[in-house]
């Protein structure tokens, strides 16, 4: 069983890399962002609070994220392991994960802030089926139309320059202490995210001593 945490600023390609690991090693992808979007789409009790915060360009509070992650991990559907994305957000949460789940490694994908901004502003989401596009790497055949269902491609409400820069600053402020802890525990592998998805995946597998692509 392999239990990984993947850390990186939004737009660094965590989702793509996690999908490749999930496909080949039967790992469960536990994405805090996807769980939060599910709450918003299904109008749960958390949805109104989350929606206000996301639209303002701020992150969902730590206590809400912690509650979401604890509930998800308790489902124990990760027989071959998991890749946890979007958590931990602070040192106490990191310590809890290491003690409770015996984490194997932390995959840290790094890119510059300006590349983050460029990638995030190029993101689009199908308004009907929810498929993600990025106009840098994945353009639809017809402009602003989903290749799969024909739905309109739209920008997420919080994908504007002001909100993205706020999230970048917040990420650096809160994440550095967590990264320092993982470095101290010798759990972290640093991956250069400014490369092709294929090369990034090869680097991850090499550093984790996993079978190559």
N, C-alpha and C. Protein backbone atom coordinates (compact mmCIF):
# COMPACT_ATOMS: atom_id res chain seq x y z
N UNK A 1 0.85 -1.19 0.00
CA UNK A 1 0.00 0.00 0.00
C UNK A 1 0.89 1.24 0.00
N UNK A 2 0.59 2.17 -0.89
CA UNK A 2 1.34 3.42 -0.98
C UNK A 2 0.44 4.60 -0.60
N UNK A 3 0.91 5.41 0.32
CA UNK A 3 0.14 6.57 0.77
C UNK A 3 0.99 7.82 0.53
N UNK A 4 0.51 8.63 -0.41
CA UNK A 4 1.26 9.82 -0.81
C UNK A 4 0.44 11.09 -0.56
N UNK A 5 1.18 12.16 -0.33
CA UNK A 5 0.62 13.50 -0.33
C UNK A 5 1.24 14.21 -1.52
N UNK A 6 0.43 14.93 -2.29
CA UNK A 6 0.98 15.73 -3.38
C UNK A 6 0.72 17.20 -3.08
N UNK A 7 1.78 17.99 -3.14
CA UNK A 7 1.70 19.41 -2.78
C UNK A 7 2.23 20.24 -3.93
N UNK A 8 1.55 21.32 -4.22
CA UNK A 8 2.00 22.25 -5.24
C UNK A 8 0.95 23.31 -5.43
N UNK A 9 1.39 24.46 -5.83
CA UNK A 9 0.47 25.57 -6.02
C UNK A 9 -0.48 25.26 -7.18
N UNK A 10 -1.67 25.84 -7.16
CA UNK A 10 -2.65 25.57 -8.21
C UNK A 10 -2.03 25.87 -9.58
N UNK A 11 -2.35 25.03 -10.54
CA UNK A 11 -1.80 25.21 -11.88
C UNK A 11 -0.49 24.49 -12.11
N UNK A 12 0.02 23.80 -11.08
CA UNK A 12 1.32 23.13 -11.23
C UNK A 12 1.20 21.76 -11.90
N UNK A 13 -0.03 21.27 -12.08
CA UNK A 13 -0.21 19.99 -12.75
C UNK A 13 -0.43 18.82 -11.83
N UNK A 14 -0.80 19.10 -10.58
CA UNK A 14 -1.03 18.01 -9.63
C UNK A 14 -2.09 17.03 -10.11
N UNK A 15 -3.17 17.55 -10.66
CA UNK A 15 -4.27 16.70 -11.08
C UNK A 15 -3.85 15.71 -12.16
N UNK A 16 -3.11 16.20 -13.15
CA UNK A 16 -2.63 15.33 -14.22
C UNK A 16 -1.72 14.24 -13.69
N UNK A 17 -0.79 14.63 -12.84
CA UNK A 17 0.17 13.65 -12.30
C UNK A 17 -0.52 12.63 -11.40
N UNK A 18 -1.49 13.07 -10.64
CA UNK A 18 -2.22 12.15 -9.77
C UNK A 18 -3.03 11.15 -10.59
N UNK A 19 -3.64 11.60 -11.68
CA UNK A 19 -4.40 10.70 -12.54
C UNK A 19 -3.52 9.59 -13.09
N UNK A 20 -2.29 9.91 -13.45
CA UNK A 20 -1.38 8.91 -13.99
C UNK A 20 -0.98 7.89 -12.92
N UNK A 21 -0.74 8.37 -11.73
CA UNK A 21 -0.42 7.45 -10.62
C UNK A 21 -1.63 6.58 -10.28
N UNK A 22 -2.78 7.21 -10.28
CA UNK A 22 -4.03 6.50 -9.97
C UNK A 22 -4.30 5.40 -10.98
N UNK A 23 -4.08 5.71 -12.24
CA UNK A 23 -4.35 4.76 -13.32
C UNK A 23 -3.47 3.51 -13.22
N UNK A 24 -2.20 3.69 -12.94
CA UNK A 24 -1.24 2.59 -13.02
C UNK A 24 -1.01 1.85 -11.70
N UNK A 25 -1.41 2.47 -10.58
CA UNK A 25 -1.12 1.84 -9.29
C UNK A 25 -2.36 1.66 -8.41
N UNK A 26 -3.55 1.84 -9.01
CA UNK A 26 -4.82 1.64 -8.29
C UNK A 26 -4.92 2.49 -7.02
N UNK A 27 -4.38 3.68 -7.08
CA UNK A 27 -4.45 4.59 -5.94
C UNK A 27 -5.74 5.40 -6.01
N UNK A 28 -6.28 5.73 -4.86
CA UNK A 28 -7.46 6.58 -4.78
C UNK A 28 -7.01 8.04 -4.69
N UNK A 29 -7.56 8.87 -5.56
CA UNK A 29 -7.25 10.30 -5.53
C UNK A 29 -8.24 10.99 -4.59
N UNK A 30 -7.72 11.53 -3.52
CA UNK A 30 -8.56 12.28 -2.58
C UNK A 30 -8.22 13.75 -2.76
N UNK A 31 -9.09 14.46 -3.46
CA UNK A 31 -8.87 15.86 -3.80
C UNK A 31 -9.79 16.75 -2.98
N UNK A 32 -9.20 17.58 -2.14
CA UNK A 32 -10.00 18.51 -1.34
C UNK A 32 -10.78 19.45 -2.25
N UNK A 33 -10.15 19.91 -3.33
CA UNK A 33 -10.82 20.82 -4.25
C UNK A 33 -12.06 20.21 -4.87
N UNK A 34 -11.96 18.95 -5.29
CA UNK A 34 -13.11 18.28 -5.89
C UNK A 34 -14.23 18.07 -4.88
N UNK A 35 -13.86 17.75 -3.65
CA UNK A 35 -14.88 17.55 -2.62
C UNK A 35 -15.60 18.86 -2.33
N UNK A 36 -14.84 19.95 -2.28
CA UNK A 36 -15.45 21.26 -2.04
C UNK A 36 -16.39 21.63 -3.18
N UNK A 37 -15.96 21.38 -4.42
CA UNK A 37 -16.84 21.69 -5.56
C UNK A 37 -18.11 20.85 -5.50
N UNK A 38 -18.00 19.61 -5.04
CA UNK A 38 -19.19 18.77 -4.90
C UNK A 38 -20.17 19.39 -3.91
N UNK A 39 -19.66 19.90 -2.80
CA UNK A 39 -20.53 20.54 -1.81
C UNK A 39 -21.26 21.73 -2.42
N UNK A 40 -20.53 22.53 -3.21
CA UNK A 40 -21.13 23.71 -3.83
C UNK A 40 -22.22 23.30 -4.83
N UNK A 41 -21.91 22.31 -5.67
CA UNK A 41 -22.86 21.88 -6.70
C UNK A 41 -24.11 21.24 -6.10
N UNK A 42 -23.96 20.62 -4.92
CA UNK A 42 -25.08 19.93 -4.30
C UNK A 42 -25.74 20.71 -3.16
N UNK A 43 -25.32 21.97 -3.00
CA UNK A 43 -25.98 22.88 -2.05
C UNK A 43 -26.07 22.28 -0.64
N UNK A 44 -24.95 21.77 -0.16
CA UNK A 44 -24.93 21.23 1.20
C UNK A 44 -24.86 22.37 2.21
N UNK A 45 -24.82 21.99 3.49
CA UNK A 45 -24.77 23.01 4.54
C UNK A 45 -23.50 23.86 4.46
N UNK A 46 -22.43 23.23 3.97
CA UNK A 46 -21.17 23.97 3.85
C UNK A 46 -21.14 24.87 2.62
N UNK A 47 -22.03 24.63 1.68
CA UNK A 47 -21.92 25.24 0.35
C UNK A 47 -21.96 26.76 0.38
N UNK A 48 -22.91 27.34 1.12
CA UNK A 48 -23.05 28.80 1.12
C UNK A 48 -21.80 29.48 1.65
N UNK A 49 -21.27 28.95 2.76
CA UNK A 49 -20.05 29.52 3.35
C UNK A 49 -18.86 29.37 2.40
N UNK A 50 -18.73 28.19 1.82
CA UNK A 50 -17.62 27.94 0.90
C UNK A 50 -17.72 28.85 -0.32
N UNK A 51 -18.92 28.99 -0.85
CA UNK A 51 -19.12 29.78 -2.08
C UNK A 51 -18.72 31.23 -1.86
N UNK A 52 -19.08 31.81 -0.74
CA UNK A 52 -18.72 33.20 -0.46
C UNK A 52 -17.21 33.37 -0.40
N UNK A 53 -16.53 32.44 0.25
CA UNK A 53 -15.09 32.53 0.40
C UNK A 53 -14.36 32.36 -0.93
N UNK A 54 -14.81 31.40 -1.72
CA UNK A 54 -14.17 31.14 -3.01
C UNK A 54 -14.33 32.34 -3.94
N UNK A 55 -15.52 32.93 -3.98
CA UNK A 55 -15.77 34.08 -4.84
C UNK A 55 -14.93 35.28 -4.43
N UNK A 56 -14.59 35.37 -3.15
CA UNK A 56 -13.76 36.48 -2.66
C UNK A 56 -12.28 36.22 -2.89
N UNK A 57 -11.96 35.03 -3.41
CA UNK A 57 -10.57 34.71 -3.69
C UNK A 57 -9.79 34.19 -2.51
N UNK A 58 -10.47 33.85 -1.42
CA UNK A 58 -9.79 33.32 -0.24
C UNK A 58 -10.00 31.81 -0.17
N UNK A 59 -9.17 31.16 0.62
CA UNK A 59 -9.26 29.71 0.76
C UNK A 59 -10.26 29.33 1.83
N UNK A 60 -10.79 28.15 1.70
CA UNK A 60 -11.72 27.63 2.70
C UNK A 60 -10.95 27.43 4.01
N UNK A 61 -11.55 27.80 5.17
CA UNK A 61 -10.84 27.72 6.45
C UNK A 61 -10.32 26.33 6.76
N UNK A 62 -9.24 26.29 7.52
CA UNK A 62 -8.58 25.02 7.85
C UNK A 62 -9.52 24.04 8.55
N UNK A 63 -10.37 24.55 9.44
CA UNK A 63 -11.22 23.62 10.19
C UNK A 63 -12.22 22.92 9.28
N UNK A 64 -12.71 23.62 8.25
CA UNK A 64 -13.64 23.02 7.31
C UNK A 64 -12.92 21.96 6.47
N UNK A 65 -11.72 22.28 6.00
CA UNK A 65 -10.94 21.34 5.19
C UNK A 65 -10.60 20.10 6.02
N UNK A 66 -10.21 20.31 7.28
CA UNK A 66 -9.86 19.20 8.15
C UNK A 66 -11.05 18.26 8.34
N UNK A 67 -12.22 18.82 8.52
CA UNK A 67 -13.44 18.02 8.67
C UNK A 67 -13.70 17.20 7.41
N UNK A 68 -13.55 17.81 6.25
CA UNK A 68 -13.79 17.13 4.98
C UNK A 68 -12.82 15.96 4.80
N UNK A 69 -11.54 16.19 5.08
CA UNK A 69 -10.53 15.16 4.87
C UNK A 69 -10.72 14.00 5.84
N UNK A 70 -10.99 14.30 7.10
CA UNK A 70 -11.20 13.23 8.09
C UNK A 70 -12.34 12.32 7.66
N UNK A 71 -13.44 12.91 7.23
CA UNK A 71 -14.59 12.10 6.80
C UNK A 71 -14.24 11.23 5.61
N UNK A 72 -13.48 11.82 4.66
CA UNK A 72 -13.15 11.07 3.45
C UNK A 72 -12.20 9.90 3.74
N UNK A 73 -11.20 10.12 4.57
CA UNK A 73 -10.25 9.06 4.88
C UNK A 73 -10.90 7.93 5.68
N UNK A 74 -11.93 8.27 6.44
CA UNK A 74 -12.62 7.25 7.24
C UNK A 74 -13.42 6.27 6.38
N UNK A 75 -13.61 6.58 5.11
CA UNK A 75 -14.34 5.66 4.24
C UNK A 75 -13.53 4.40 3.92
N UNK A 76 -12.21 4.51 4.02
CA UNK A 76 -11.32 3.35 3.85
C UNK A 76 -11.60 2.54 2.58
N UNK A 77 -11.76 3.26 1.47
CA UNK A 77 -11.92 2.60 0.18
C UNK A 77 -10.61 2.56 -0.60
N UNK A 78 -9.53 2.91 0.07
CA UNK A 78 -8.22 3.01 -0.58
C UNK A 78 -7.37 1.77 -0.27
N UNK A 79 -7.79 0.64 -0.82
CA UNK A 79 -7.14 -0.63 -0.53
C UNK A 79 -5.67 -0.67 -0.93
N UNK A 80 -5.33 0.00 -2.04
CA UNK A 80 -3.95 0.00 -2.52
C UNK A 80 -3.22 1.30 -2.19
N UNK A 81 -3.91 2.19 -1.50
CA UNK A 81 -3.29 3.45 -1.12
C UNK A 81 -4.02 4.64 -1.69
N UNK A 82 -3.48 5.82 -1.43
CA UNK A 82 -4.12 7.05 -1.90
C UNK A 82 -3.09 8.11 -2.23
N UNK A 83 -3.55 9.09 -2.99
CA UNK A 83 -2.81 10.34 -3.20
C UNK A 83 -3.70 11.46 -2.68
N UNK A 84 -3.25 12.14 -1.66
CA UNK A 84 -4.04 13.19 -1.02
C UNK A 84 -3.59 14.55 -1.55
N UNK A 85 -4.54 15.30 -2.06
CA UNK A 85 -4.27 16.57 -2.73
C UNK A 85 -5.05 17.68 -2.03
N UNK A 86 -4.35 18.72 -1.57
CA UNK A 86 -5.02 19.86 -0.94
C UNK A 86 -4.99 19.84 0.57
N UNK A 87 -4.26 18.93 1.14
CA UNK A 87 -4.17 18.77 2.59
C UNK A 87 -2.86 18.02 2.87
N UNK A 88 -2.12 18.39 3.92
CA UNK A 88 -2.42 19.29 5.03
C UNK A 88 -2.12 20.75 4.69
N UNK A 89 -2.70 21.63 5.50
CA UNK A 89 -2.53 23.06 5.30
C UNK A 89 -1.68 23.71 6.38
N UNK A 90 -1.42 23.00 7.44
CA UNK A 90 -0.60 23.56 8.51
C UNK A 90 0.15 22.43 9.19
N UNK A 91 1.07 22.79 10.09
CA UNK A 91 1.94 21.80 10.73
C UNK A 91 1.15 20.80 11.58
N UNK A 92 0.20 21.21 12.41
CA UNK A 92 -0.56 20.21 13.18
C UNK A 92 -1.27 19.19 12.30
N UNK A 93 -1.84 19.63 11.18
CA UNK A 93 -2.50 18.70 10.27
C UNK A 93 -1.49 17.74 9.65
N UNK A 94 -0.31 18.24 9.32
CA UNK A 94 0.74 17.38 8.76
C UNK A 94 1.18 16.33 9.77
N UNK A 95 1.33 16.75 11.01
CA UNK A 95 1.73 15.80 12.06
C UNK A 95 0.66 14.74 12.27
N UNK A 96 -0.60 15.16 12.22
CA UNK A 96 -1.71 14.20 12.36
C UNK A 96 -1.65 13.15 11.25
N UNK A 97 -1.43 13.58 10.02
CA UNK A 97 -1.39 12.64 8.90
C UNK A 97 -0.24 11.65 9.04
N UNK A 98 0.93 12.16 9.40
CA UNK A 98 2.09 11.28 9.52
C UNK A 98 1.89 10.24 10.62
N UNK A 99 1.27 10.65 11.70
CA UNK A 99 1.06 9.73 12.83
C UNK A 99 -0.07 8.74 12.56
N UNK A 100 -1.13 9.18 11.88
CA UNK A 100 -2.33 8.37 11.73
C UNK A 100 -2.29 7.45 10.52
N UNK A 101 -1.57 7.85 9.47
CA UNK A 101 -1.65 7.10 8.22
C UNK A 101 -0.29 6.65 7.68
N UNK A 102 0.78 6.90 8.39
CA UNK A 102 2.10 6.41 8.00
C UNK A 102 2.39 6.76 6.54
N UNK A 103 2.39 8.04 6.24
CA UNK A 103 2.59 8.54 4.88
C UNK A 103 3.96 8.10 4.36
N UNK A 104 3.99 7.63 3.10
CA UNK A 104 5.24 7.16 2.51
C UNK A 104 6.10 8.30 1.99
N UNK A 105 5.49 9.18 1.19
CA UNK A 105 6.24 10.28 0.60
C UNK A 105 5.34 11.48 0.35
N UNK A 106 5.98 12.63 0.23
CA UNK A 106 5.30 13.86 -0.15
C UNK A 106 5.88 14.31 -1.48
N UNK A 107 5.03 14.41 -2.50
CA UNK A 107 5.44 14.84 -3.83
C UNK A 107 5.23 16.34 -3.93
N UNK A 108 6.32 17.09 -4.05
CA UNK A 108 6.24 18.55 -4.08
C UNK A 108 6.58 19.04 -5.49
N UNK A 109 5.57 19.54 -6.21
CA UNK A 109 5.76 20.03 -7.58
C UNK A 109 5.94 21.55 -7.54
N UNK A 110 7.03 22.03 -8.11
CA UNK A 110 7.37 23.44 -8.04
C UNK A 110 7.31 24.11 -9.41
N UNK A 111 6.70 25.30 -9.47
CA UNK A 111 6.74 26.16 -10.65
C UNK A 111 6.75 27.61 -10.16
N UNK A 112 7.10 28.53 -11.04
CA UNK A 112 7.16 29.94 -10.66
C UNK A 112 5.77 30.53 -10.56
N UNK A 113 5.65 31.63 -9.83
CA UNK A 113 4.35 32.29 -9.64
C UNK A 113 3.77 32.78 -10.97
N UNK A 114 4.62 33.29 -11.86
CA UNK A 114 4.13 33.82 -13.12
C UNK A 114 3.59 32.71 -14.02
N UNK A 115 4.22 31.54 -13.97
CA UNK A 115 3.70 30.40 -14.73
C UNK A 115 2.36 29.97 -14.16
N UNK A 116 2.23 30.00 -12.82
CA UNK A 116 0.94 29.70 -12.18
C UNK A 116 -0.15 30.61 -12.72
N UNK A 117 0.12 31.89 -12.73
CA UNK A 117 -0.87 32.87 -13.19
C UNK A 117 -1.26 32.59 -14.64
N UNK A 118 -0.28 32.35 -15.48
CA UNK A 118 -0.54 32.07 -16.89
C UNK A 118 -1.41 30.84 -17.07
N UNK A 119 -1.09 29.78 -16.35
CA UNK A 119 -1.83 28.52 -16.49
C UNK A 119 -3.25 28.64 -15.96
N UNK A 120 -3.41 29.27 -14.80
CA UNK A 120 -4.75 29.35 -14.19
C UNK A 120 -5.68 30.21 -15.04
N UNK A 121 -5.19 31.32 -15.56
CA UNK A 121 -6.03 32.19 -16.37
C UNK A 121 -6.41 31.54 -17.70
N UNK A 122 -5.70 30.47 -18.08
CA UNK A 122 -6.01 29.75 -19.32
C UNK A 122 -6.99 28.60 -19.08
N UNK A 123 -7.40 28.38 -17.82
CA UNK A 123 -8.29 27.26 -17.52
C UNK A 123 -9.73 27.59 -17.90
N UNK A 124 -10.44 26.56 -18.38
CA UNK A 124 -11.87 26.66 -18.64
C UNK A 124 -12.54 25.38 -18.17
N UNK A 125 -13.82 25.48 -17.87
CA UNK A 125 -14.60 24.35 -17.38
C UNK A 125 -15.87 24.24 -18.20
N UNK A 126 -16.21 23.01 -18.62
CA UNK A 126 -17.47 22.83 -19.35
C UNK A 126 -18.64 23.05 -18.41
N UNK A 127 -19.57 23.91 -18.82
CA UNK A 127 -20.71 24.26 -17.96
C UNK A 127 -21.72 23.13 -17.87
N UNK A 128 -21.60 22.12 -18.74
CA UNK A 128 -22.56 21.01 -18.72
C UNK A 128 -21.98 19.74 -18.08
N UNK A 129 -20.83 19.27 -18.58
CA UNK A 129 -20.30 17.99 -18.09
C UNK A 129 -19.17 18.15 -17.09
N UNK A 130 -18.65 19.38 -16.93
CA UNK A 130 -17.62 19.63 -15.94
C UNK A 130 -16.20 19.30 -16.37
N UNK A 131 -15.99 18.93 -17.64
CA UNK A 131 -14.65 18.58 -18.11
C UNK A 131 -13.74 19.80 -18.07
N UNK A 132 -12.50 19.59 -17.60
CA UNK A 132 -11.52 20.67 -17.50
C UNK A 132 -10.77 20.83 -18.82
N UNK A 133 -10.53 22.08 -19.20
CA UNK A 133 -9.68 22.41 -20.34
C UNK A 133 -8.64 23.42 -19.87
N UNK A 134 -7.52 23.45 -20.59
CA UNK A 134 -6.55 24.53 -20.40
C UNK A 134 -6.09 24.94 -21.79
N UNK A 135 -6.31 26.20 -22.12
CA UNK A 135 -6.07 26.65 -23.48
C UNK A 135 -4.59 26.66 -23.86
N UNK A 136 -3.72 26.40 -22.90
CA UNK A 136 -2.29 26.26 -23.22
C UNK A 136 -2.01 24.85 -23.75
N UNK A 137 -2.59 23.85 -23.08
CA UNK A 137 -2.29 22.45 -23.40
C UNK A 137 -3.45 21.69 -24.05
N UNK A 138 -4.67 22.09 -23.79
CA UNK A 138 -5.83 21.30 -24.19
C UNK A 138 -6.91 22.23 -24.73
N UNK A 139 -6.82 22.56 -26.01
CA UNK A 139 -7.81 23.42 -26.63
C UNK A 139 -8.93 22.59 -27.26
N UNK A 140 -10.16 23.06 -27.18
CA UNK A 140 -11.26 22.33 -27.83
C UNK A 140 -11.18 22.49 -29.35
N UNK A 141 -11.82 21.57 -30.05
CA UNK A 141 -11.82 21.65 -31.52
C UNK A 141 -12.54 22.91 -32.00
N UNK A 142 -13.66 23.25 -31.35
CA UNK A 142 -14.40 24.46 -31.66
C UNK A 142 -14.24 25.44 -30.50
N UNK A 143 -14.03 26.70 -30.78
CA UNK A 143 -13.75 27.69 -29.76
C UNK A 143 -14.85 27.74 -28.70
N UNK A 144 -14.44 27.59 -27.43
CA UNK A 144 -15.32 27.72 -26.27
C UNK A 144 -16.45 26.69 -26.23
N UNK A 145 -16.28 25.57 -26.96
CA UNK A 145 -17.30 24.51 -26.98
C UNK A 145 -16.64 23.20 -26.56
N UNK A 146 -17.28 22.50 -25.63
CA UNK A 146 -16.74 21.23 -25.14
C UNK A 146 -16.75 20.18 -26.24
N UNK A 147 -15.63 19.47 -26.40
CA UNK A 147 -15.53 18.41 -27.41
C UNK A 147 -16.46 17.24 -27.10
N UNK A 148 -16.76 17.02 -25.83
CA UNK A 148 -17.51 15.83 -25.42
C UNK A 148 -19.02 16.03 -25.52
N UNK A 149 -19.51 17.12 -24.93
CA UNK A 149 -20.97 17.28 -24.84
C UNK A 149 -21.51 18.52 -25.55
N UNK A 150 -20.63 19.37 -26.06
CA UNK A 150 -21.09 20.57 -26.74
C UNK A 150 -21.45 21.72 -25.82
N UNK A 151 -21.17 21.56 -24.52
CA UNK A 151 -21.48 22.62 -23.57
C UNK A 151 -20.54 23.82 -23.71
N UNK A 152 -20.96 24.95 -23.18
CA UNK A 152 -20.14 26.16 -23.22
C UNK A 152 -18.99 26.06 -22.22
N UNK A 153 -17.80 26.45 -22.64
CA UNK A 153 -16.66 26.48 -21.74
C UNK A 153 -16.61 27.83 -21.05
N UNK A 154 -16.51 27.81 -19.73
CA UNK A 154 -16.54 29.05 -18.95
C UNK A 154 -15.34 29.09 -18.00
N UNK A 155 -14.99 30.26 -17.59
CA UNK A 155 -13.94 30.43 -16.59
C UNK A 155 -14.56 30.36 -15.20
N UNK A 156 -13.90 29.68 -14.29
CA UNK A 156 -14.38 29.63 -12.91
C UNK A 156 -14.41 31.03 -12.33
N UNK A 157 -15.36 31.27 -11.45
CA UNK A 157 -15.56 32.60 -10.91
C UNK A 157 -14.31 33.14 -10.21
N UNK A 158 -13.54 32.26 -9.59
CA UNK A 158 -12.37 32.71 -8.85
C UNK A 158 -11.10 32.69 -9.67
N UNK A 159 -11.18 32.39 -10.97
CA UNK A 159 -10.00 32.38 -11.83
C UNK A 159 -9.83 33.73 -12.51
N UNK A 160 -9.62 34.76 -11.71
CA UNK A 160 -9.28 36.09 -12.22
C UNK A 160 -7.95 36.51 -11.60
N UNK A 161 -7.28 37.47 -12.19
CA UNK A 161 -5.91 37.78 -11.78
C UNK A 161 -5.80 38.17 -10.31
N UNK A 162 -6.72 39.00 -9.82
CA UNK A 162 -6.65 39.43 -8.42
C UNK A 162 -6.78 38.23 -7.48
N UNK A 163 -7.77 37.40 -7.72
CA UNK A 163 -7.99 36.25 -6.85
C UNK A 163 -6.83 35.26 -6.92
N UNK A 164 -6.30 35.05 -8.12
CA UNK A 164 -5.19 34.11 -8.26
C UNK A 164 -3.95 34.61 -7.51
N UNK A 165 -3.65 35.90 -7.62
CA UNK A 165 -2.48 36.43 -6.90
C UNK A 165 -2.68 36.35 -5.39
N UNK A 166 -3.89 36.56 -4.94
CA UNK A 166 -4.18 36.41 -3.50
C UNK A 166 -3.93 34.97 -3.06
N UNK A 167 -4.35 34.02 -3.87
CA UNK A 167 -4.16 32.62 -3.52
C UNK A 167 -2.69 32.22 -3.56
N UNK A 168 -1.94 32.79 -4.50
CA UNK A 168 -0.50 32.52 -4.57
C UNK A 168 0.19 32.99 -3.29
N UNK A 169 -0.10 34.22 -2.87
CA UNK A 169 0.52 34.76 -1.65
C UNK A 169 0.14 33.93 -0.43
N UNK A 170 -1.13 33.55 -0.36
CA UNK A 170 -1.61 32.76 0.77
C UNK A 170 -0.94 31.39 0.79
N UNK A 171 -0.77 30.80 -0.38
CA UNK A 171 -0.12 29.49 -0.48
C UNK A 171 1.30 29.53 0.09
N UNK A 172 2.07 30.52 -0.34
CA UNK A 172 3.45 30.61 0.13
C UNK A 172 3.52 30.83 1.64
N UNK A 173 2.65 31.68 2.14
CA UNK A 173 2.65 32.00 3.57
C UNK A 173 2.36 30.78 4.42
N UNK A 174 1.38 29.97 4.02
CA UNK A 174 0.93 28.86 4.85
C UNK A 174 1.65 27.55 4.57
N UNK A 175 2.19 27.40 3.36
CA UNK A 175 2.72 26.10 2.98
C UNK A 175 4.17 25.90 3.40
N UNK A 176 4.96 26.96 3.44
CA UNK A 176 6.39 26.80 3.74
C UNK A 176 6.67 26.05 5.05
N UNK A 177 5.98 26.37 6.16
CA UNK A 177 6.23 25.60 7.39
C UNK A 177 5.93 24.12 7.24
N UNK A 178 4.91 23.78 6.47
CA UNK A 178 4.56 22.37 6.24
C UNK A 178 5.66 21.69 5.42
N UNK A 179 6.14 22.37 4.39
CA UNK A 179 7.22 21.81 3.58
C UNK A 179 8.48 21.61 4.41
N UNK A 180 8.77 22.57 5.28
CA UNK A 180 9.95 22.44 6.14
C UNK A 180 9.84 21.20 7.03
N UNK A 181 8.64 20.94 7.54
CA UNK A 181 8.45 19.76 8.39
C UNK A 181 8.68 18.48 7.60
N UNK A 182 8.13 18.40 6.40
CA UNK A 182 8.30 17.20 5.59
C UNK A 182 9.76 17.00 5.19
N UNK A 183 10.46 18.11 4.95
CA UNK A 183 11.90 17.99 4.64
C UNK A 183 12.65 17.43 5.84
N UNK A 184 12.31 17.91 7.02
CA UNK A 184 12.96 17.43 8.23
C UNK A 184 12.75 15.94 8.43
N UNK A 185 11.56 15.48 8.10
CA UNK A 185 11.22 14.06 8.24
C UNK A 185 11.72 13.21 7.07
N UNK A 186 12.35 13.88 6.08
CA UNK A 186 12.91 13.19 4.90
C UNK A 186 11.84 12.43 4.11
N UNK A 187 10.67 13.04 4.03
CA UNK A 187 9.57 12.43 3.28
C UNK A 187 9.39 13.06 1.89
N UNK A 188 9.97 14.23 1.67
CA UNK A 188 9.61 15.02 0.50
C UNK A 188 10.55 14.80 -0.67
N UNK A 189 9.95 14.71 -1.85
CA UNK A 189 10.72 14.71 -3.09
C UNK A 189 10.28 15.94 -3.88
N UNK A 190 11.24 16.72 -4.34
CA UNK A 190 10.96 17.93 -5.12
C UNK A 190 10.97 17.61 -6.60
N UNK A 191 9.93 18.06 -7.30
CA UNK A 191 9.76 17.77 -8.72
C UNK A 191 9.62 19.09 -9.48
N UNK A 192 10.40 19.25 -10.53
CA UNK A 192 10.31 20.44 -11.38
C UNK A 192 9.06 20.35 -12.23
N UNK A 193 8.10 21.24 -11.97
CA UNK A 193 6.84 21.21 -12.68
C UNK A 193 6.85 21.96 -13.99
N UNK A 194 7.97 22.60 -14.34
CA UNK A 194 8.04 23.37 -15.58
C UNK A 194 8.60 22.48 -16.69
N UNK A 195 7.88 21.41 -16.98
CA UNK A 195 8.30 20.42 -17.97
C UNK A 195 7.05 19.78 -18.55
N UNK A 196 7.20 18.87 -19.48
CA UNK A 196 6.03 18.19 -20.04
C UNK A 196 5.43 17.25 -19.00
N UNK A 197 4.13 16.99 -19.07
CA UNK A 197 3.52 16.06 -18.11
C UNK A 197 4.20 14.70 -18.10
N UNK A 198 4.61 14.22 -19.26
CA UNK A 198 5.26 12.91 -19.34
C UNK A 198 6.59 12.90 -18.59
N UNK A 199 7.39 13.95 -18.77
CA UNK A 199 8.68 14.02 -18.08
C UNK A 199 8.51 14.20 -16.57
N UNK A 200 7.49 14.96 -16.19
CA UNK A 200 7.22 15.14 -14.77
C UNK A 200 6.85 13.81 -14.13
N UNK A 201 6.00 13.05 -14.80
CA UNK A 201 5.60 11.76 -14.27
C UNK A 201 6.81 10.81 -14.16
N UNK A 202 7.66 10.83 -15.15
CA UNK A 202 8.86 9.98 -15.11
C UNK A 202 9.74 10.35 -13.93
N UNK A 203 9.86 11.65 -13.66
CA UNK A 203 10.67 12.11 -12.54
C UNK A 203 10.07 11.67 -11.21
N UNK A 204 8.75 11.77 -11.10
CA UNK A 204 8.07 11.33 -9.87
C UNK A 204 8.34 9.86 -9.62
N UNK A 205 8.16 9.03 -10.63
CA UNK A 205 8.32 7.59 -10.46
C UNK A 205 9.77 7.23 -10.14
N UNK A 206 10.69 7.91 -10.75
CA UNK A 206 12.10 7.64 -10.48
C UNK A 206 12.43 7.96 -9.03
N UNK A 207 11.96 9.10 -8.53
CA UNK A 207 12.29 9.51 -7.17
C UNK A 207 11.54 8.70 -6.11
N UNK A 208 10.39 8.12 -6.50
CA UNK A 208 9.62 7.29 -5.58
C UNK A 208 9.96 5.81 -5.71
N UNK A 209 10.89 5.51 -6.61
CA UNK A 209 11.29 4.11 -6.88
C UNK A 209 10.10 3.27 -7.33
N UNK A 210 9.26 3.86 -8.18
CA UNK A 210 8.12 3.16 -8.76
C UNK A 210 8.49 2.68 -10.17
N UNK A 211 7.81 1.66 -10.68
CA UNK A 211 8.05 1.22 -12.07
C UNK A 211 7.85 2.36 -13.04
N UNK A 212 8.67 2.45 -14.08
CA UNK A 212 8.56 3.55 -15.04
C UNK A 212 7.29 3.48 -15.86
N UNK A 213 7.00 4.57 -16.55
CA UNK A 213 5.81 4.65 -17.40
C UNK A 213 5.93 3.60 -18.52
